[in-house]
């Protein structure tokens, strides 16, 4: 008798009034691709003020950042919250000359990999995490998020 893989439970909350926020169904699709199975995750889209407050309260950094991961359980079934800061993601997407949807997909995948223990604290771990991100994003037709943009001379 084989164990049946349980689908992750993903709640998407939008607390920001930003334009260009992908539909909750799309966010859940990206999240499911990044999760290996049983998980309970809330993904919250926040504005700059909430993003700054979360980053200051939990990381002692006084600015809004693109994605924050809060891990409640670091093994299956994974549990945690992901905060995505809408204005930061939109600004970064424009600066990096990528679509807002591609950058949201990257931040969802990035946050969920952190939930599963991936990190980028050293070169070897960063390379492993980046390879996983590239593979997952390619499933949705998004380009390598780490590839320099030749149009910017990067």
N, C-alpha and C. Protein backbone atom coordinates (compact mmCIF):
# COMPACT_ATOMS: atom_id res chain seq x y z
N UNK A 1 0.84 -1.18 0.00
CA UNK A 1 0.00 0.00 0.00
C UNK A 1 0.89 1.24 0.00
N UNK A 2 0.71 2.12 -0.94
CA UNK A 2 1.55 3.31 -1.03
C UNK A 2 0.86 4.49 -0.35
N UNK A 3 1.69 5.35 0.21
CA UNK A 3 1.17 6.56 0.86
C UNK A 3 0.73 7.54 -0.22
N UNK A 4 -0.41 8.11 -0.03
CA UNK A 4 -0.93 9.08 -0.98
C UNK A 4 -0.38 10.46 -0.65
N UNK A 5 0.14 11.12 -1.65
CA UNK A 5 0.67 12.46 -1.47
C UNK A 5 -0.48 13.43 -1.26
N UNK A 6 -0.40 14.20 -0.18
CA UNK A 6 -1.43 15.18 0.12
C UNK A 6 -1.09 16.49 -0.56
N UNK A 7 -2.08 17.11 -1.12
CA UNK A 7 -1.89 18.40 -1.78
C UNK A 7 -1.66 19.48 -0.73
N UNK A 8 -0.79 20.43 -1.02
CA UNK A 8 -0.57 21.51 -0.07
C UNK A 8 -1.81 22.39 0.06
N UNK A 9 -2.02 22.93 1.25
CA UNK A 9 -3.08 23.91 1.47
C UNK A 9 -2.45 25.28 1.46
N UNK A 10 -2.85 26.08 0.50
CA UNK A 10 -2.24 27.38 0.30
C UNK A 10 -3.32 28.46 0.34
N UNK A 11 -3.21 29.34 1.32
CA UNK A 11 -4.14 30.46 1.45
C UNK A 11 -3.43 31.70 0.93
N UNK A 12 -4.09 32.45 0.07
CA UNK A 12 -3.52 33.68 -0.46
C UNK A 12 -4.35 34.85 0.06
N UNK A 13 -3.69 35.79 0.70
CA UNK A 13 -4.32 36.98 1.23
C UNK A 13 -3.74 38.20 0.53
N UNK A 14 -4.59 39.12 0.14
CA UNK A 14 -4.10 40.35 -0.48
C UNK A 14 -4.47 41.52 0.42
N UNK A 15 -3.47 42.05 1.11
CA UNK A 15 -3.66 43.17 2.02
C UNK A 15 -3.15 44.47 1.40
N UNK A 16 -2.78 44.44 0.14
CA UNK A 16 -2.26 45.62 -0.56
C UNK A 16 -3.22 46.02 -1.66
N UNK A 17 -3.24 47.29 -1.99
CA UNK A 17 -4.11 47.79 -3.04
C UNK A 17 -3.35 47.96 -4.36
N UNK A 18 -2.26 47.28 -4.50
CA UNK A 18 -1.39 47.42 -5.66
C UNK A 18 -2.03 46.84 -6.92
N UNK A 19 -1.68 47.45 -8.04
CA UNK A 19 -2.05 46.88 -9.33
C UNK A 19 -1.01 45.82 -9.68
N UNK A 20 -1.27 45.05 -10.67
CA UNK A 20 -0.33 44.04 -11.18
C UNK A 20 -0.12 42.86 -10.25
N UNK A 21 -0.92 42.71 -9.21
CA UNK A 21 -0.80 41.54 -8.34
C UNK A 21 -1.44 40.36 -9.07
N UNK A 22 -0.71 39.28 -9.23
CA UNK A 22 -1.28 38.11 -9.91
C UNK A 22 -2.50 37.55 -9.16
N UNK A 23 -3.35 36.88 -9.89
CA UNK A 23 -4.54 36.27 -9.30
C UNK A 23 -4.13 35.20 -8.28
N UNK A 24 -4.91 35.06 -7.22
CA UNK A 24 -4.60 34.03 -6.21
C UNK A 24 -4.41 32.63 -6.81
N UNK A 25 -5.19 32.28 -7.81
CA UNK A 25 -5.05 30.95 -8.44
C UNK A 25 -3.67 30.79 -9.06
N UNK A 26 -3.15 31.84 -9.66
CA UNK A 26 -1.82 31.80 -10.27
C UNK A 26 -0.74 31.66 -9.18
N UNK A 27 -0.89 32.40 -8.10
CA UNK A 27 0.07 32.32 -7.00
C UNK A 27 0.07 30.91 -6.42
N UNK A 28 -1.12 30.33 -6.25
CA UNK A 28 -1.21 28.96 -5.73
C UNK A 28 -0.55 27.97 -6.70
N UNK A 29 -0.68 28.20 -7.98
CA UNK A 29 -0.06 27.31 -8.98
C UNK A 29 1.47 27.33 -8.83
N UNK A 30 2.05 28.51 -8.70
CA UNK A 30 3.51 28.60 -8.50
C UNK A 30 3.91 27.94 -7.19
N UNK A 31 3.11 28.16 -6.15
CA UNK A 31 3.43 27.61 -4.83
C UNK A 31 3.39 26.09 -4.86
N UNK A 32 2.37 25.52 -5.49
CA UNK A 32 2.26 24.06 -5.55
C UNK A 32 3.47 23.45 -6.26
N UNK A 33 3.96 24.12 -7.28
CA UNK A 33 5.13 23.61 -8.01
C UNK A 33 6.36 23.57 -7.11
N UNK A 34 6.44 24.51 -6.17
CA UNK A 34 7.63 24.60 -5.31
C UNK A 34 7.53 23.72 -4.07
N UNK A 35 6.36 23.21 -3.78
CA UNK A 35 6.17 22.39 -2.57
C UNK A 35 6.14 20.91 -2.93
N UNK A 36 6.85 20.08 -2.18
CA UNK A 36 6.93 18.66 -2.51
C UNK A 36 5.69 17.86 -2.13
N UNK A 37 4.79 18.41 -1.38
CA UNK A 37 3.61 17.66 -0.96
C UNK A 37 2.88 18.36 0.15
N UNK A 38 2.63 17.65 1.20
CA UNK A 38 1.83 18.14 2.29
C UNK A 38 2.43 19.40 2.92
N UNK A 39 1.65 20.47 2.93
CA UNK A 39 2.09 21.73 3.51
C UNK A 39 0.87 22.59 3.81
N UNK A 40 1.05 23.50 4.74
CA UNK A 40 0.05 24.50 5.07
C UNK A 40 0.76 25.85 5.05
N UNK A 41 0.41 26.67 4.06
CA UNK A 41 1.12 27.92 3.85
C UNK A 41 0.13 29.05 3.60
N UNK A 42 0.42 30.20 4.19
CA UNK A 42 -0.31 31.42 3.86
C UNK A 42 0.66 32.34 3.14
N UNK A 43 0.22 32.82 1.98
CA UNK A 43 1.00 33.79 1.21
C UNK A 43 0.22 35.10 1.27
N UNK A 44 0.84 36.11 1.84
CA UNK A 44 0.18 37.39 2.05
C UNK A 44 0.87 38.47 1.22
N UNK A 45 0.10 39.15 0.39
CA UNK A 45 0.59 40.28 -0.39
C UNK A 45 0.41 41.52 0.48
N UNK A 46 1.51 42.21 0.77
CA UNK A 46 1.46 43.35 1.67
C UNK A 46 1.92 44.62 0.97
N UNK A 47 1.57 45.75 1.56
CA UNK A 47 2.05 47.04 1.10
C UNK A 47 3.39 47.39 1.75
N UNK A 48 3.90 48.54 1.40
CA UNK A 48 5.22 48.96 1.89
C UNK A 48 5.25 49.09 3.41
N UNK A 49 4.22 49.65 4.02
CA UNK A 49 4.23 49.87 5.48
C UNK A 49 4.26 48.53 6.23
N UNK A 50 3.40 47.59 5.82
CA UNK A 50 3.40 46.29 6.50
C UNK A 50 4.70 45.53 6.23
N UNK A 51 5.19 45.62 5.01
CA UNK A 51 6.45 44.96 4.68
C UNK A 51 7.60 45.49 5.52
N UNK A 52 7.63 46.80 5.69
CA UNK A 52 8.68 47.42 6.52
C UNK A 52 8.54 47.00 7.98
N UNK A 53 7.31 47.00 8.48
CA UNK A 53 7.07 46.61 9.88
C UNK A 53 7.50 45.17 10.13
N UNK A 54 7.15 44.27 9.21
CA UNK A 54 7.53 42.86 9.36
C UNK A 54 9.05 42.70 9.34
N UNK A 55 9.70 43.36 8.40
CA UNK A 55 11.15 43.24 8.27
C UNK A 55 11.85 43.83 9.50
N UNK A 56 11.34 44.95 10.00
CA UNK A 56 11.92 45.57 11.19
C UNK A 56 11.68 44.70 12.42
N UNK A 57 10.48 44.16 12.57
CA UNK A 57 10.12 43.38 13.75
C UNK A 57 10.84 42.04 13.82
N UNK A 58 11.03 41.39 12.66
CA UNK A 58 11.56 40.02 12.67
C UNK A 58 12.99 39.91 12.18
N UNK A 59 13.49 40.91 11.46
CA UNK A 59 14.86 40.83 10.96
C UNK A 59 15.72 42.02 11.36
N UNK A 60 15.13 42.95 12.10
CA UNK A 60 15.84 44.16 12.54
C UNK A 60 16.39 44.97 11.38
N UNK A 61 15.65 45.01 10.28
CA UNK A 61 16.04 45.80 9.11
C UNK A 61 14.90 46.76 8.81
N UNK A 62 15.19 48.03 8.79
CA UNK A 62 14.15 49.05 8.72
C UNK A 62 13.83 49.48 7.29
N UNK A 63 13.40 48.52 6.50
CA UNK A 63 12.95 48.80 5.13
C UNK A 63 12.07 47.64 4.68
N UNK A 64 11.24 47.91 3.70
CA UNK A 64 10.42 46.85 3.11
C UNK A 64 11.28 46.05 2.15
N UNK A 65 11.17 44.74 2.22
CA UNK A 65 11.92 43.86 1.32
C UNK A 65 10.94 43.07 0.46
N UNK A 66 11.43 42.43 -0.56
CA UNK A 66 10.56 41.75 -1.52
C UNK A 66 9.81 40.56 -0.94
N UNK A 67 10.49 39.68 -0.21
CA UNK A 67 9.84 38.48 0.32
C UNK A 67 10.42 38.15 1.70
N UNK A 68 9.53 37.76 2.59
CA UNK A 68 9.93 37.27 3.91
C UNK A 68 9.27 35.92 4.12
N UNK A 69 10.02 34.99 4.68
CA UNK A 69 9.51 33.66 4.97
C UNK A 69 9.53 33.43 6.47
N UNK A 70 8.41 32.98 6.99
CA UNK A 70 8.28 32.67 8.41
C UNK A 70 7.99 31.17 8.51
N UNK A 71 8.95 30.44 9.02
CA UNK A 71 8.87 28.98 9.09
C UNK A 71 8.30 28.57 10.44
N UNK A 72 7.21 27.82 10.42
CA UNK A 72 6.63 27.27 11.64
C UNK A 72 6.98 25.79 11.78
N UNK A 73 7.13 25.11 10.67
CA UNK A 73 7.53 23.70 10.67
C UNK A 73 8.41 23.48 9.45
N UNK A 74 9.64 23.01 9.67
CA UNK A 74 10.63 22.91 8.59
C UNK A 74 10.79 21.51 8.02
N UNK A 75 9.80 20.67 8.24
CA UNK A 75 9.79 19.32 7.64
C UNK A 75 8.33 18.99 7.33
N UNK A 76 8.10 18.04 6.45
CA UNK A 76 6.72 17.72 6.09
C UNK A 76 5.89 17.30 7.30
N UNK A 77 4.67 17.76 7.38
CA UNK A 77 4.08 18.78 6.51
C UNK A 77 4.63 20.17 6.85
N UNK A 78 5.19 20.82 5.85
CA UNK A 78 5.75 22.16 6.03
C UNK A 78 4.64 23.12 6.43
N UNK A 79 4.98 24.07 7.29
CA UNK A 79 4.03 25.10 7.68
C UNK A 79 4.75 26.43 7.76
N UNK A 80 4.11 27.47 7.25
CA UNK A 80 4.71 28.79 7.36
C UNK A 80 3.91 29.85 6.63
N UNK A 81 4.40 31.06 6.77
CA UNK A 81 3.82 32.22 6.09
C UNK A 81 4.88 32.84 5.19
N UNK A 82 4.41 33.35 4.08
CA UNK A 82 5.26 34.08 3.13
C UNK A 82 4.63 35.46 2.97
N UNK A 83 5.42 36.50 3.14
CA UNK A 83 4.96 37.87 2.90
C UNK A 83 5.65 38.40 1.65
N UNK A 84 4.86 38.84 0.70
CA UNK A 84 5.37 39.42 -0.54
C UNK A 84 5.00 40.90 -0.55
N UNK A 85 5.97 41.77 -0.68
CA UNK A 85 5.71 43.20 -0.66
C UNK A 85 5.49 43.70 -2.09
N UNK A 86 4.23 44.00 -2.40
CA UNK A 86 3.82 44.35 -3.76
C UNK A 86 4.62 45.51 -4.36
N UNK A 87 4.75 46.66 -3.67
CA UNK A 87 5.47 47.76 -4.32
C UNK A 87 6.96 47.45 -4.55
N UNK A 88 7.57 46.70 -3.67
CA UNK A 88 8.98 46.34 -3.85
C UNK A 88 9.13 45.40 -5.04
N UNK A 89 8.27 44.40 -5.13
CA UNK A 89 8.34 43.45 -6.25
C UNK A 89 8.12 44.16 -7.57
N UNK A 90 7.15 45.06 -7.64
CA UNK A 90 6.89 45.80 -8.88
C UNK A 90 8.09 46.67 -9.25
N UNK A 91 8.65 47.38 -8.27
CA UNK A 91 9.82 48.24 -8.54
C UNK A 91 11.00 47.42 -9.03
N UNK A 92 11.27 46.29 -8.35
CA UNK A 92 12.39 45.44 -8.75
C UNK A 92 12.19 44.85 -10.15
N UNK A 93 10.97 44.44 -10.46
CA UNK A 93 10.70 43.88 -11.78
C UNK A 93 11.02 44.90 -12.87
N UNK A 94 10.58 46.12 -12.67
CA UNK A 94 10.87 47.17 -13.66
C UNK A 94 12.37 47.43 -13.76
N UNK A 95 13.05 47.52 -12.62
CA UNK A 95 14.49 47.77 -12.62
C UNK A 95 15.26 46.65 -13.30
N UNK A 96 14.76 45.41 -13.15
CA UNK A 96 15.44 44.25 -13.72
C UNK A 96 14.94 43.92 -15.13
N UNK A 97 14.02 44.74 -15.62
CA UNK A 97 13.46 44.56 -16.97
C UNK A 97 12.87 43.17 -17.17
N UNK A 98 12.05 42.78 -16.21
CA UNK A 98 11.32 41.52 -16.33
C UNK A 98 9.86 41.81 -16.05
N UNK A 99 9.00 40.90 -16.41
CA UNK A 99 7.59 41.13 -16.14
C UNK A 99 7.33 41.03 -14.64
N UNK A 100 6.31 41.74 -14.22
CA UNK A 100 5.93 41.69 -12.80
C UNK A 100 5.53 40.26 -12.44
N UNK A 101 4.81 39.59 -13.33
CA UNK A 101 4.40 38.20 -13.05
C UNK A 101 5.61 37.29 -12.88
N UNK A 102 6.62 37.45 -13.71
CA UNK A 102 7.83 36.62 -13.58
C UNK A 102 8.52 36.86 -12.25
N UNK A 103 8.54 38.11 -11.80
CA UNK A 103 9.20 38.41 -10.53
C UNK A 103 8.37 37.89 -9.35
N UNK A 104 7.05 38.01 -9.43
CA UNK A 104 6.21 37.42 -8.39
C UNK A 104 6.43 35.91 -8.33
N UNK A 105 6.45 35.26 -9.48
CA UNK A 105 6.67 33.81 -9.50
C UNK A 105 7.99 33.47 -8.83
N UNK A 106 9.02 34.24 -9.15
CA UNK A 106 10.33 34.00 -8.54
C UNK A 106 10.27 34.18 -7.03
N UNK A 107 9.62 35.22 -6.56
CA UNK A 107 9.58 35.48 -5.11
C UNK A 107 8.74 34.43 -4.38
N UNK A 108 7.68 33.93 -5.01
CA UNK A 108 6.89 32.85 -4.41
C UNK A 108 7.75 31.60 -4.27
N UNK A 109 8.41 31.22 -5.35
CA UNK A 109 9.28 30.03 -5.35
C UNK A 109 10.41 30.23 -4.34
N UNK A 110 11.03 31.38 -4.36
CA UNK A 110 12.16 31.68 -3.46
C UNK A 110 11.72 31.54 -2.00
N UNK A 111 10.60 32.14 -1.66
CA UNK A 111 10.10 32.07 -0.29
C UNK A 111 9.77 30.66 0.14
N UNK A 112 9.18 29.88 -0.76
CA UNK A 112 8.81 28.52 -0.41
C UNK A 112 10.01 27.59 -0.32
N UNK A 113 11.05 27.88 -1.07
CA UNK A 113 12.28 27.10 -0.91
C UNK A 113 12.92 27.39 0.45
N UNK A 114 12.88 28.66 0.88
CA UNK A 114 13.36 28.98 2.23
C UNK A 114 12.57 28.19 3.28
N UNK A 115 11.27 28.07 3.09
CA UNK A 115 10.43 27.31 4.02
C UNK A 115 10.92 25.86 4.15
N UNK A 116 11.48 25.33 3.07
CA UNK A 116 11.95 23.95 3.03
C UNK A 116 13.42 23.81 3.40
N UNK A 117 14.02 24.90 3.87
CA UNK A 117 15.40 24.81 4.36
C UNK A 117 16.47 25.26 3.39
N UNK A 118 16.10 25.64 2.18
CA UNK A 118 17.10 26.17 1.25
C UNK A 118 17.53 27.55 1.74
N UNK A 119 18.78 27.89 1.50
CA UNK A 119 19.23 29.25 1.80
C UNK A 119 20.33 29.64 0.83
N UNK A 120 20.82 30.85 1.01
CA UNK A 120 21.88 31.37 0.13
C UNK A 120 22.94 32.07 0.97
N UNK A 121 23.25 31.45 2.11
CA UNK A 121 24.23 32.03 3.03
C UNK A 121 25.67 31.81 2.57
N UNK A 122 25.89 30.80 1.73
CA UNK A 122 27.23 30.60 1.17
C UNK A 122 27.07 30.24 -0.31
N UNK A 123 28.17 30.26 -1.04
CA UNK A 123 28.11 30.07 -2.49
C UNK A 123 27.52 28.73 -2.89
N UNK A 124 27.88 27.66 -2.19
CA UNK A 124 27.38 26.33 -2.55
C UNK A 124 25.87 26.24 -2.32
N UNK A 125 25.40 26.74 -1.19
CA UNK A 125 23.96 26.72 -0.91
C UNK A 125 23.20 27.62 -1.87
N UNK A 126 23.77 28.77 -2.18
CA UNK A 126 23.13 29.69 -3.12
C UNK A 126 23.01 29.05 -4.49
N UNK A 127 24.05 28.38 -4.94
CA UNK A 127 24.02 27.72 -6.25
C UNK A 127 22.94 26.64 -6.30
N UNK A 128 22.82 25.86 -5.23
CA UNK A 128 21.79 24.82 -5.16
C UNK A 128 20.39 25.43 -5.21
N UNK A 129 20.18 26.47 -4.43
CA UNK A 129 18.87 27.12 -4.39
C UNK A 129 18.54 27.75 -5.75
N UNK A 130 19.51 28.42 -6.34
CA UNK A 130 19.29 29.06 -7.63
C UNK A 130 18.97 28.04 -8.72
N UNK A 131 19.64 26.89 -8.72
CA UNK A 131 19.34 25.84 -9.71
C UNK A 131 17.89 25.37 -9.56
N UNK A 132 17.45 25.19 -8.33
CA UNK A 132 16.08 24.75 -8.07
C UNK A 132 15.09 25.82 -8.54
N UNK A 133 15.38 27.08 -8.25
CA UNK A 133 14.50 28.17 -8.68
C UNK A 133 14.39 28.21 -10.21
N UNK A 134 15.52 28.12 -10.89
CA UNK A 134 15.54 28.17 -12.35
C UNK A 134 14.70 27.03 -12.94
N UNK A 135 14.86 25.83 -12.39
CA UNK A 135 14.10 24.67 -12.87
C UNK A 135 12.60 24.89 -12.70
N UNK A 136 12.20 25.34 -11.53
CA UNK A 136 10.77 25.55 -11.26
C UNK A 136 10.20 26.66 -12.13
N UNK A 137 10.91 27.76 -12.26
CA UNK A 137 10.40 28.87 -13.06
C UNK A 137 10.33 28.53 -14.54
N UNK A 138 11.25 27.70 -15.01
CA UNK A 138 11.23 27.28 -16.41
C UNK A 138 9.95 26.51 -16.75
N UNK A 139 9.39 25.79 -15.77
CA UNK A 139 8.13 25.07 -16.00
C UNK A 139 7.01 26.01 -16.42
N UNK A 140 7.10 27.26 -16.02
CA UNK A 140 6.07 28.25 -16.35
C UNK A 140 6.48 29.16 -17.49
N UNK A 141 7.62 28.85 -18.10
CA UNK A 141 8.09 29.64 -19.23
C UNK A 141 8.81 30.92 -18.85
N UNK A 142 9.20 31.04 -17.57
CA UNK A 142 9.92 32.24 -17.14
C UNK A 142 11.42 32.04 -17.30
N UNK A 143 12.12 33.10 -17.70
CA UNK A 143 13.57 32.98 -17.90
C UNK A 143 14.32 32.90 -16.57
N UNK A 144 15.58 32.57 -16.67
CA UNK A 144 16.50 32.52 -15.52
C UNK A 144 16.47 33.88 -14.82
N UNK A 145 16.02 33.92 -13.56
CA UNK A 145 15.93 35.22 -12.88
C UNK A 145 17.28 35.80 -12.50
N UNK A 146 18.34 35.03 -12.62
CA UNK A 146 19.67 35.49 -12.24
C UNK A 146 20.52 35.88 -13.45
N UNK A 147 19.98 35.64 -14.64
CA UNK A 147 20.73 35.99 -15.85
C UNK A 147 20.78 37.50 -16.00
N UNK A 148 21.96 38.05 -16.19
CA UNK A 148 22.06 39.50 -16.39
C UNK A 148 21.30 39.94 -17.63
N UNK A 149 20.74 41.11 -17.58
CA UNK A 149 19.99 41.67 -18.71
C UNK A 149 20.98 42.38 -19.64
N UNK A 150 21.21 41.82 -20.84
CA UNK A 150 22.19 42.44 -21.74
C UNK A 150 21.79 43.85 -22.17
N UNK A 151 20.49 44.17 -22.14
CA UNK A 151 20.04 45.49 -22.54
C UNK A 151 20.50 46.56 -21.54
N UNK A 152 20.78 46.15 -20.30
CA UNK A 152 21.23 47.12 -19.28
C UNK A 152 22.76 47.14 -19.19
N UNK A 153 23.42 46.28 -19.93
CA UNK A 153 24.87 46.24 -19.84
C UNK A 153 25.34 45.50 -18.60
N UNK A 154 24.46 44.71 -18.03
CA UNK A 154 24.81 43.98 -16.80
C UNK A 154 25.49 42.69 -17.11
